[in-house]
Amino acid sequence: MIVNDRFFKFEMLILAILSQHDASSEELLASLQSQNILNIKEGQLLTSLYFFLESHLISKYDMYDDIYYHIEKSGLVRLDTLKRQYQQTTEAIEVILNHEK
């Protein structure tokens, strides 16, 4: 069971964006905020990025005086795990909601 569902969804979204392309923290924040679903603060994002760097899920590099983040193989594995957990949870919720009376 996912203890902090919001964190895991946030983690999944960051890794999903990075699986599509390398991005700066500003680009990540803009992508996350553009959906108007999550109220993400820059500090929350930077804390997560630091955690991902320490966990070797992502790496970073400098380009044009900005820092870009890149997902590593272990990050792709983590993303796949999170997506499977999310799909299983969603399916279980759908089963329950469809059997409501």
PDB file of N, CA and C in Angstrom:
ATOM      1  N   MET A   1       0.843  -1.180   0.000  1.00  0.00           N
ATOM      2  CA  MET A   1       0.000   0.000   0.000  1.00  0.00           C
ATOM      3  C   MET A   1       0.888   1.244   0.000  1.00  0.00           C
ATOM      4  N   ILE A   2       0.490   2.236  -0.740  1.00  0.00           N
ATOM      5  CA  ILE A   2       1.253   3.475  -0.828  1.00  0.00           C
ATOM      6  C   ILE A   2       0.933   4.333   0.384  1.00  0.00           C
ATOM      7  N   VAL A   3       1.959   4.682   1.154  1.00  0.00           N
ATOM      8  CA  VAL A   3       1.773   5.438   2.379  1.00  0.00           C
ATOM      9  C   VAL A   3       1.424   6.891   2.071  1.00  0.00           C
ATOM     10  N   ASN A   4       2.172   7.531   1.192  1.00  0.00           N
ATOM     11  CA  ASN A   4       1.909   8.916   0.831  1.00  0.00           C
ATOM     12  C   ASN A   4       1.607   8.967  -0.662  1.00  0.00           C
ATOM     13  N   ASP A   5       0.354   8.798  -0.991  1.00  0.00           N
ATOM     14  CA  ASP A   5      -0.093   8.695  -2.375  1.00  0.00           C
ATOM     15  C   ASP A   5       0.305   9.928  -3.185  1.00  0.00           C
ATOM     16  N   ARG A   6       0.205  11.099  -2.594  1.00  0.00           N
ATOM     17  CA  ARG A   6       0.522  12.340  -3.319  1.00  0.00           C
ATOM     18  C   ARG A   6       1.999  12.373  -3.707  1.00  0.00           C
ATOM     19  N   PHE A   7       2.887  11.986  -2.801  1.00  0.00           N
ATOM     20  CA  PHE A   7       4.310  11.990  -3.108  1.00  0.00           C
ATOM     21  C   PHE A   7       4.622  11.030  -4.247  1.00  0.00           C
ATOM     22  N   PHE A   8       4.033   9.828  -4.209  1.00  0.00           N
ATOM     23  CA  PHE A   8       4.319   8.848  -5.244  1.00  0.00           C
ATOM     24  C   PHE A   8       3.800   9.298  -6.602  1.00  0.00           C
ATOM     25  N   LYS A   9       2.663   9.968  -6.636  1.00  0.00           N
ATOM     26  CA  LYS A   9       2.152  10.508  -7.901  1.00  0.00           C
ATOM     27  C   LYS A   9       3.077  11.616  -8.403  1.00  0.00           C
ATOM     28  N   PHE A  10       3.525  12.467  -7.496  1.00  0.00           N
ATOM     29  CA  PHE A  10       4.441  13.553  -7.831  1.00  0.00           C
ATOM     30  C   PHE A  10       5.748  12.976  -8.373  1.00  0.00           C
ATOM     31  N   GLU A  11       6.273  11.968  -7.688  1.00  0.00           N
ATOM     32  CA  GLU A  11       7.494  11.290  -8.119  1.00  0.00           C
ATOM     33  C   GLU A  11       7.303  10.686  -9.510  1.00  0.00           C
ATOM     34  N   MET A  12       6.171  10.031  -9.722  1.00  0.00           N
ATOM     35  CA  MET A  12       5.880   9.408 -11.001  1.00  0.00           C
ATOM     36  C   MET A  12       5.822  10.458 -12.113  1.00  0.00           C
ATOM     37  N   LEU A  13       5.196  11.593 -11.859  1.00  0.00           N
ATOM     38  CA  LEU A  13       5.073  12.635 -12.878  1.00  0.00           C
ATOM     39  C   LEU A  13       6.427  13.243 -13.249  1.00  0.00           C
ATOM     40  N   ILE A  14       7.264  13.488 -12.265  1.00  0.00           N
ATOM     41  CA  ILE A  14       8.594  14.040 -12.541  1.00  0.00           C
ATOM     42  C   ILE A  14       9.399  13.066 -13.395  1.00  0.00           C
ATOM     43  N   LEU A  15       9.413  11.808 -12.988  1.00  0.00           N
ATOM     44  CA  LEU A  15      10.165  10.802 -13.739  1.00  0.00           C
ATOM     45  C   LEU A  15       9.579  10.600 -15.134  1.00  0.00           C
ATOM     46  N   ALA A  16       8.255  10.698 -15.267  1.00  0.00           N
ATOM     47  CA  ALA A  16       7.623  10.547 -16.582  1.00  0.00           C
ATOM     48  C   ALA A  16       8.042  11.673 -17.519  1.00  0.00           C
ATOM     49  N   ILE A  17       8.087  12.886 -17.019  1.00  0.00           N
ATOM     50  CA  ILE A  17       8.528  14.025 -17.848  1.00  0.00           C
ATOM     51  C   ILE A  17       9.974  13.817 -18.272  1.00  0.00           C
ATOM     52  N   LEU A  18      10.815  13.412 -17.312  1.00  0.00           N
ATOM     53  CA  LEU A  18      12.229  13.210 -17.640  1.00  0.00           C
ATOM     54  C   LEU A  18      12.449  12.012 -18.561  1.00  0.00           C
ATOM     55  N   SER A  19      11.508  11.070 -18.582  1.00  0.00           N
ATOM     56  CA  SER A  19      11.644   9.944 -19.512  1.00  0.00           C
ATOM     57  C   SER A  19      11.373  10.394 -20.955  1.00  0.00           C
ATOM     58  N   GLN A  20      10.691  11.518 -21.104  1.00  0.00           N
ATOM     59  CA  GLN A  20      10.384  12.055 -22.431  1.00  0.00           C
ATOM     60  C   GLN A  20      11.513  12.947 -22.961  1.00  0.00           C
ATOM     61  N   HIS A  21      12.133  13.712 -22.041  1.00  0.00           N
ATOM     62  CA  HIS A  21      13.231  14.608 -22.427  1.00  0.00           C
ATOM     63  C   HIS A  21      13.916  15.150 -21.184  1.00  0.00           C
ATOM     64  N   ASP A  22      15.191  15.501 -21.336  1.00  0.00           N
ATOM     65  CA  ASP A  22      15.915  16.160 -20.249  1.00  0.00           C
ATOM     66  C   ASP A  22      15.278  17.533 -20.030  1.00  0.00           C
ATOM     67  N   ALA A  23      15.303  18.003 -18.792  1.00  0.00           N
ATOM     68  CA  ALA A  23      14.652  19.269 -18.487  1.00  0.00           C
ATOM     69  C   ALA A  23      15.332  19.965 -17.322  1.00  0.00           C
ATOM     70  N   SER A  24      15.214  21.286 -17.310  1.00  0.00           N
ATOM     71  CA  SER A  24      15.678  22.078 -16.176  1.00  0.00           C
ATOM     72  C   SER A  24      14.578  22.067 -15.114  1.00  0.00           C
ATOM     73  N   SER A  25      14.900  22.521 -13.929  1.00  0.00           N
ATOM     74  CA  SER A  25      13.886  22.558 -12.867  1.00  0.00           C
ATOM     75  C   SER A  25      12.759  23.516 -13.238  1.00  0.00           C
ATOM     76  N   GLU A  26      13.086  24.598 -13.945  1.00  0.00           N
ATOM     77  CA  GLU A  26      12.063  25.553 -14.369  1.00  0.00           C
ATOM     78  C   GLU A  26      11.096  24.899 -15.360  1.00  0.00           C
ATOM     79  N   GLU A  27      11.632  24.106 -16.284  1.00  0.00           N
ATOM     80  CA  GLU A  27      10.782  23.409 -17.252  1.00  0.00           C
ATOM     81  C   GLU A  27       9.904  22.362 -16.571  1.00  0.00           C
ATOM     82  N   LEU A  28      10.489  21.647 -15.620  1.00  0.00           N
ATOM     83  CA  LEU A  28       9.718  20.646 -14.880  1.00  0.00           C
ATOM     84  C   LEU A  28       8.575  21.306 -14.117  1.00  0.00           C
ATOM     85  N   LEU A  29       8.876  22.394 -13.429  1.00  0.00           N
ATOM     86  CA  LEU A  29       7.865  23.098 -12.647  1.00  0.00           C
ATOM     87  C   LEU A  29       6.747  23.613 -13.549  1.00  0.00           C
ATOM     88  N   ALA A  30       7.119  24.186 -14.694  1.00  0.00           N
ATOM     89  CA  ALA A  30       6.116  24.695 -15.640  1.00  0.00           C
ATOM     90  C   ALA A  30       5.237  23.563 -16.164  1.00  0.00           C
ATOM     91  N   SER A  31       5.836  22.423 -16.473  1.00  0.00           N
ATOM     92  CA  SER A  31       5.062  21.273 -16.965  1.00  0.00           C
ATOM     93  C   SER A  31       4.085  20.781 -15.916  1.00  0.00           C
ATOM     94  N   LEU A  32       4.538  20.687 -14.686  1.00  0.00           N
ATOM     95  CA  LEU A  32       3.685  20.196 -13.602  1.00  0.00           C
ATOM     96  C   LEU A  32       2.559  21.184 -13.292  1.00  0.00           C
ATOM     97  N   GLN A  33       2.856  22.475 -13.318  1.00  0.00           N
ATOM     98  CA  GLN A  33       1.854  23.485 -12.993  1.00  0.00           C
ATOM     99  C   GLN A  33       0.887  23.729 -14.150  1.00  0.00           C
ATOM    100  N   SER A  34       1.288  23.402 -15.367  1.00  0.00           N
ATOM    101  CA  SER A  34       0.444  23.678 -16.529  1.00  0.00           C
ATOM    102  C   SER A  34      -0.840  22.865 -16.524  1.00  0.00           C
ATOM    103  N   GLN A  35      -0.862  21.759 -15.827  1.00  0.00           N
ATOM    104  CA  GLN A  35      -2.042  20.902 -15.790  1.00  0.00           C
ATOM    105  C   GLN A  35      -3.086  21.399 -14.779  1.00  0.00           C
ATOM    106  N   ASN A  36      -2.714  22.370 -13.948  1.00  0.00           N
ATOM    107  CA  ASN A  36      -3.608  22.940 -12.939  1.00  0.00           C
ATOM    108  C   ASN A  36      -4.223  21.882 -12.015  1.00  0.00           C
ATOM    109  N   ILE A  37      -3.509  20.783 -11.823  1.00  0.00           N
ATOM    110  CA  ILE A  37      -3.993  19.732 -10.930  1.00  0.00           C
ATOM    111  C   ILE A  37      -3.222  19.768  -9.621  1.00  0.00           C
ATOM    112  N   LEU A  38      -1.911  19.952  -9.736  1.00  0.00           N
ATOM    113  CA  LEU A  38      -1.053  19.964  -8.561  1.00  0.00           C
ATOM    114  C   LEU A  38      -0.584  21.375  -8.258  1.00  0.00           C
ATOM    115  N   ASN A  39      -0.639  21.750  -6.998  1.00  0.00           N
ATOM    116  CA  ASN A  39      -0.113  23.038  -6.567  1.00  0.00           C
ATOM    117  C   ASN A  39       1.304  22.787  -6.053  1.00  0.00           C
ATOM    118  N   ILE A  40       2.260  22.817  -6.972  1.00  0.00           N
ATOM    119  CA  ILE A  40       3.641  22.470  -6.666  1.00  0.00           C
ATOM    120  C   ILE A  40       4.451  23.740  -6.429  1.00  0.00           C
ATOM    121  N   LYS A  41       5.219  23.728  -5.381  1.00  0.00           N
ATOM    122  CA  LYS A  41       6.131  24.828  -5.082  1.00  0.00           C
ATOM    123  C   LYS A  41       7.534  24.442  -5.547  1.00  0.00           C
ATOM    124  N   GLU A  42       8.338  25.438  -5.866  1.00  0.00           N
ATOM    125  CA  GLU A  42       9.696  25.184  -6.352  1.00  0.00           C
ATOM    126  C   GLU A  42      10.508  24.398  -5.327  1.00  0.00           C
ATOM    127  N   GLY A  43      10.344  24.706  -4.056  1.00  0.00           N
ATOM    128  CA  GLY A  43      11.076  23.994  -3.003  1.00  0.00           C
ATOM    129  C   GLY A  43      10.744  22.515  -2.964  1.00  0.00           C
ATOM    130  N   GLN A  44       9.474  22.174  -3.195  1.00  0.00           N
ATOM    131  CA  GLN A  44       9.071  20.765  -3.220  1.00  0.00           C
ATOM    132  C   GLN A  44       9.756  20.040  -4.373  1.00  0.00           C
ATOM    133  N   LEU A  45       9.793  20.695  -5.518  1.00  0.00           N
ATOM    134  CA  LEU A  45      10.424  20.096  -6.687  1.00  0.00           C
ATOM    135  C   LEU A  45      11.918  19.899  -6.452  1.00  0.00           C
ATOM    136  N   LEU A  46      12.580  20.922  -5.939  1.00  0.00           N
ATOM    137  CA  LEU A  46      14.024  20.836  -5.715  1.00  0.00           C
ATOM    138  C   LEU A  46      14.365  19.757  -4.684  1.00  0.00           C
ATOM    139  N   THR A  47      13.534  19.621  -3.656  1.00  0.00           N
ATOM    140  CA  THR A  47      13.743  18.570  -2.663  1.00  0.00           C
ATOM    141  C   THR A  47      13.638  17.199  -3.318  1.00  0.00           C
ATOM    142  N   SER A  48      12.640  17.016  -4.179  1.00  0.00           N
ATOM    143  CA  SER A  48      12.474  15.738  -4.879  1.00  0.00           C
ATOM    144  C   SER A  48      13.639  15.473  -5.818  1.00  0.00           C
ATOM    145  N   LEU A  49      14.077  16.500  -6.551  1.00  0.00           N
ATOM    146  CA  LEU A  49      15.203  16.329  -7.462  1.00  0.00           C
ATOM    147  C   LEU A  49      16.465  15.939  -6.695  1.00  0.00           C
ATOM    148  N   TYR A  50      16.695  16.546  -5.539  1.00  0.00           N
ATOM    149  CA  TYR A  50      17.847  16.201  -4.711  1.00  0.00           C
ATOM    150  C   TYR A  50      17.744  14.729  -4.267  1.00  0.00           C
ATOM    151  N   PHE A  51      16.548  14.313  -3.844  1.00  0.00           N
ATOM    152  CA  PHE A  51      16.331  12.920  -3.436  1.00  0.00           C
ATOM    153  C   PHE A  51      16.621  11.976  -4.607  1.00  0.00           C
ATOM    154  N   PHE A  52      16.149  12.313  -5.796  1.00  0.00           N
ATOM    155  CA  PHE A  52      16.384  11.477  -6.977  1.00  0.00           C
ATOM    156  C   PHE A  52      17.866  11.403  -7.317  1.00  0.00           C
ATOM    157  N   LEU A  53      18.568  12.521  -7.181  1.00  0.00           N
ATOM    158  CA  LEU A  53      20.016  12.533  -7.440  1.00  0.00           C
ATOM    159  C   LEU A  53      20.739  11.635  -6.445  1.00  0.00           C
ATOM    160  N   GLU A  54      20.392  11.741  -5.169  1.00  0.00           N
ATOM    161  CA  GLU A  54      21.017  10.936  -4.129  1.00  0.00           C
ATOM    162  C   GLU A  54      20.710   9.448  -4.309  1.00  0.00           C
ATOM    163  N   SER A  55      19.542   9.151  -4.879  1.00  0.00           N
ATOM    164  CA  SER A  55      19.123   7.765  -5.103  1.00  0.00           C
ATOM    165  C   SER A  55      19.601   7.234  -6.450  1.00  0.00           C
ATOM    166  N   HIS A  56      20.309   8.058  -7.206  1.00  0.00           N
ATOM    167  CA  HIS A  56      20.836   7.697  -8.527  1.00  0.00           C
ATOM    168  C   HIS A  56      19.743   7.365  -9.539  1.00  0.00           C
ATOM    169  N   LEU A  57      18.552   7.950  -9.338  1.00  0.00           N
ATOM    170  CA  LEU A  57      17.473   7.777 -10.300  1.00  0.00           C
ATOM    171  C   LEU A  57      17.632   8.740 -11.471  1.00  0.00           C
ATOM    172  N   ILE A  58      18.272   9.879 -11.201  1.00  0.00           N
ATOM    173  CA  ILE A  58      18.533  10.881 -12.228  1.00  0.00           C
ATOM    174  C   ILE A  58      19.965  11.377 -12.084  1.00  0.00           C
ATOM    175  N   SER A  59      20.421  12.070 -13.111  1.00  0.00           N
ATOM    176  CA  SER A  59      21.712  12.753 -13.050  1.00  0.00           C
ATOM    177  C   SER A  59      21.486  14.181 -13.526  1.00  0.00           C
ATOM    178  N   LYS A  60      22.496  15.016 -13.388  1.00  0.00           N
ATOM    179  CA  LYS A  60      22.356  16.398 -13.838  1.00  0.00           C
ATOM    180  C   LYS A  60      23.594  16.815 -14.610  1.00  0.00           C
ATOM    181  N   TYR A  61      23.430  17.823 -15.440  1.00  0.00           N
ATOM    182  CA  TYR A  61      24.544  18.380 -16.201  1.00  0.00           C
ATOM    183  C   TYR A  61      24.255  19.854 -16.483  1.00  0.00           C
ATOM    184  N   ASP A  62      25.308  20.609 -16.710  1.00  0.00           N
ATOM    185  CA  ASP A  62      25.184  22.037 -17.012  1.00  0.00           C
ATOM    186  C   ASP A  62      25.167  22.257 -18.506  1.00  0.00           C
ATOM    187  N   MET A  63      24.247  23.122 -18.952  1.00  0.00           N
ATOM    188  CA  MET A  63      24.205  23.504 -20.355  1.00  0.00           C
ATOM    189  C   MET A  63      23.624  24.905 -20.437  1.00  0.00           C
ATOM    190  N   TYR A  64      24.325  25.782 -21.094  1.00  0.00           N
ATOM    191  CA  TYR A  64      23.866  27.169 -21.279  1.00  0.00           C
ATOM    192  C   TYR A  64      23.554  27.844 -19.950  1.00  0.00           C
ATOM    193  N   ASP A  65      24.435  27.682 -18.983  1.00  0.00           N
ATOM    194  CA  ASP A  65      24.288  28.281 -17.651  1.00  0.00           C
ATOM    195  C   ASP A  65      23.025  27.845 -16.918  1.00  0.00           C
ATOM    196  N   ASP A  66      22.548  26.669 -17.221  1.00  0.00           N
ATOM    197  CA  ASP A  66      21.398  26.112 -16.522  1.00  0.00           C
ATOM    198  C   ASP A  66      21.682  24.636 -16.228  1.00  0.00           C
ATOM    199  N   ILE A  67      21.042  24.117 -15.205  1.00  0.00           N
ATOM    200  CA  ILE A  67      21.212  22.719 -14.840  1.00  0.00           C
ATOM    201  C   ILE A  67      20.056  21.927 -15.432  1.00  0.00           C
ATOM    202  N   TYR A  68      20.393  20.850 -16.130  1.00  0.00           N
ATOM    203  CA  TYR A  68      19.403  19.962 -16.725  1.00  0.00           C
ATOM    204  C   TYR A  68      19.469  18.606 -16.032  1.00  0.00           C
ATOM    205  N   TYR A  69      18.312  17.984 -15.937  1.00  0.00           N
ATOM    206  CA  TYR A  69      18.205  16.688 -15.284  1.00  0.00           C
ATOM    207  C   TYR A  69      17.906  15.619 -16.327  1.00  0.00           C
ATOM    208  N   HIS A  70      18.502  14.451 -16.126  1.00  0.00           N
ATOM    209  CA  HIS A  70      18.390  13.330 -17.056  1.00  0.00           C
ATOM    210  C   HIS A  70      18.024  12.082 -16.265  1.00  0.00           C
ATOM    211  N   ILE A  71      17.041  11.327 -16.735  1.00  0.00           N
ATOM    212  CA  ILE A  71      16.645  10.100 -16.044  1.00  0.00           C
ATOM    213  C   ILE A  71      17.634   8.989 -16.370  1.00  0.00           C
ATOM    214  N   GLU A  72      18.023   8.252 -15.362  1.00  0.00           N
ATOM    215  CA  GLU A  72      18.944   7.121 -15.516  1.00  0.00           C
ATOM    216  C   GLU A  72      18.140   5.822 -15.640  1.00  0.00           C
ATOM    217  N   LYS A  73      18.831   4.734 -15.952  1.00  0.00           N
ATOM    218  CA  LYS A  73      18.158   3.438 -16.106  1.00  0.00           C
ATOM    219  C   LYS A  73      17.394   3.064 -14.841  1.00  0.00           C
ATOM    220  N   SER A  74      17.984   3.299 -13.680  1.00  0.00           N
ATOM    221  CA  SER A  74      17.299   2.980 -12.421  1.00  0.00           C
ATOM    222  C   SER A  74      16.044   3.836 -12.247  1.00  0.00           C
ATOM    223  N   GLY A  75      16.068   5.057 -12.779  1.00  0.00           N
ATOM    224  CA  GLY A  75      14.892   5.917 -12.742  1.00  0.00           C
ATOM    225  C   GLY A  75      13.780   5.388 -13.626  1.00  0.00           C
ATOM    226  N   LEU A  76      14.153   4.813 -14.775  1.00  0.00           N
ATOM    227  CA  LEU A  76      13.161   4.201 -15.661  1.00  0.00           C
ATOM    228  C   LEU A  76      12.524   2.981 -15.013  1.00  0.00           C
ATOM    229  N   VAL A  77      13.336   2.214 -14.290  1.00  0.00           N
ATOM    230  CA  VAL A  77      12.807   1.053 -13.565  1.00  0.00           C
ATOM    231  C   VAL A  77      11.841   1.521 -12.487  1.00  0.00           C
ATOM    232  N   ARG A  78      12.229   2.552 -11.741  1.00  0.00           N
ATOM    233  CA  ARG A  78      11.365   3.105 -10.692  1.00  0.00           C
ATOM    234  C   ARG A  78      10.066   3.634 -11.295  1.00  0.00           C
ATOM    235  N   LEU A  79      10.155   4.325 -12.423  1.00  0.00           N
ATOM    236  CA  LEU A  79       8.967   4.849 -13.096  1.00  0.00           C
ATOM    237  C   LEU A  79       8.034   3.712 -13.488  1.00  0.00           C
ATOM    238  N   ASP A  80       8.581   2.639 -14.029  1.00  0.00           N
ATOM    239  CA  ASP A  80       7.762   1.493 -14.415  1.00  0.00           C
ATOM    240  C   ASP A  80       7.048   0.902 -13.197  1.00  0.00           C
ATOM    241  N   THR A  81       7.753   0.783 -12.083  1.00  0.00           N
ATOM    242  CA  THR A  81       7.159   0.268 -10.846  1.00  0.00           C
ATOM    243  C   THR A  81       6.021   1.171 -10.375  1.00  0.00           C
ATOM    244  N   LEU A  82       6.257   2.476 -10.381  1.00  0.00           N
ATOM    245  CA  LEU A  82       5.235   3.420  -9.941  1.00  0.00           C
ATOM    246  C   LEU A  82       4.008   3.380 -10.853  1.00  0.00           C
ATOM    247  N   LYS A  83       4.232   3.247 -12.153  1.00  0.00           N
ATOM    248  CA  LYS A  83       3.119   3.176 -13.097  1.00  0.00           C
ATOM    249  C   LYS A  83       2.284   1.919 -12.867  1.00  0.00           C
ATOM    250  N   ARG A  84       2.940   0.799 -12.612  1.00  0.00           N
ATOM    251  CA  ARG A  84       2.210  -0.443 -12.342  1.00  0.00           C
ATOM    252  C   ARG A  84       1.394  -0.316 -11.055  1.00  0.00           C
ATOM    253  N   GLN A  85       1.996   0.258 -10.007  1.00  0.00           N
ATOM    254  CA  GLN A  85       1.273   0.457  -8.748  1.00  0.00           C
ATOM    255  C   GLN A  85       0.072   1.375  -8.955  1.00  0.00           C
ATOM    256  N   TYR A  86       0.276   2.427  -9.718  1.00  0.00           N
ATOM    257  CA  TYR A  86      -0.801   3.377  -9.998  1.00  0.00           C
ATOM    258  C   TYR A  86      -1.939   2.695 -10.764  1.00  0.00           C
ATOM    259  N   GLN A  87      -1.591   1.908 -11.770  1.00  0.00           N
ATOM    260  CA  GLN A  87      -2.609   1.209 -12.566  1.00  0.00           C
ATOM    261  C   GLN A  87      -3.368   0.189 -11.725  1.00  0.00           C
ATOM    262  N   GLN A  88      -2.661  -0.532 -10.865  1.00  0.00           N
ATOM    263  CA  GLN A  88      -3.328  -1.504  -9.993  1.00  0.00           C
ATOM    264  C   GLN A  88      -4.297  -0.813  -9.043  1.00  0.00           C
ATOM    265  N   THR A  89      -3.870   0.293  -8.472  1.00  0.00           N
ATOM    266  CA  THR A  89      -4.725   1.050  -7.561  1.00  0.00           C
ATOM    267  C   THR A  89      -5.941   1.591  -8.294  1.00  0.00           C
ATOM    268  N   THR A  90      -5.724   2.148  -9.476  1.00  0.00           N
ATOM    269  CA  THR A  90      -6.817   2.698 -10.275  1.00  0.00           C
ATOM    270  C   THR A  90      -7.820   1.613 -10.645  1.00  0.00           C
ATOM    271  N   GLU A  91      -7.327   0.451 -11.046  1.00  0.00           N
ATOM    272  CA  GLU A  91      -8.214  -0.660 -11.395  1.00  0.00           C
ATOM    273  C   GLU A  91      -9.031  -1.115 -10.185  1.00  0.00           C
ATOM    274  N   ALA A  92      -8.406  -1.184  -9.027  1.00  0.00           N
ATOM    275  CA  ALA A  92      -9.125  -1.596  -7.816  1.00  0.00           C
ATOM    276  C   ALA A  92     -10.213  -0.578  -7.460  1.00  0.00           C
ATOM    277  N   ILE A  93      -9.912   0.685  -7.618  1.00  0.00           N
ATOM    278  CA  ILE A  93     -10.904   1.734  -7.349  1.00  0.00           C
ATOM    279  C   ILE A  93     -12.069   1.622  -8.331  1.00  0.00           C
ATOM    280  N   GLU A  94     -11.759   1.391  -9.606  1.00  0.00           N
ATOM    281  CA  GLU A  94     -12.808   1.239 -10.622  1.00  0.00           C
ATOM    282  C   GLU A  94     -13.720   0.062 -10.328  1.00  0.00           C
ATOM    283  N   VAL A  95     -13.159  -1.046  -9.890  1.00  0.00           N
ATOM    284  CA  VAL A  95     -13.962  -2.221  -9.551  1.00  0.00           C
ATOM    285  C   VAL A  95     -14.932  -1.871  -8.432  1.00  0.00           C
ATOM    286  N   ILE A  96     -14.426  -1.210  -7.414  1.00  0.00           N
ATOM    287  CA  ILE A  96     -15.284  -0.844  -6.287  1.00  0.00           C
ATOM    288  C   ILE A  96     -16.366   0.148  -6.710  1.00  0.00           C
ATOM    289  N   LEU A  97     -15.981   1.172  -7.474  1.00  0.00           N
ATOM    290  CA  LEU A  97     -16.950   2.182  -7.897  1.00  0.00           C
ATOM    291  C   LEU A  97     -17.999   1.611  -8.847  1.00  0.00           C
ATOM    292  N   ASN A  98     -17.620   0.672  -9.690  1.00  0.00           N
ATOM    293  CA  ASN A  98     -18.578   0.093 -10.640  1.00  0.00           C
ATOM    294  C   ASN A  98     -19.540  -0.882  -9.977  1.00  0.00           C
ATOM    295  N   HIS A  99     -19.221  -1.338  -8.785  1.00  0.00           N
ATOM    296  CA  HIS A  99     -20.111  -2.244  -8.060  1.00  0.00           C
ATOM    297  C   HIS A  99     -20.914  -1.509  -6.976  1.00  0.00           C
ATOM    298  N   GLU A 100     -20.859  -0.198  -7.015  1.00  0.00           N
ATOM    299  CA  GLU A 100     -21.629   0.607  -6.062  1.00  0.00           C
ATOM    300  C   GLU A 100     -23.121   0.470  -6.343  1.00  0.00           C
ATOM    301  N   LYS A 101     -23.918   0.536  -5.312  1.00  0.00           N
ATOM    302  CA  LYS A 101     -25.375   0.479  -5.502  1.00  0.00           C
ATOM    303  C   LYS A 101     -26.027   1.678  -4.902  1.00  0.00           C
TER     304      LYS A 101
END
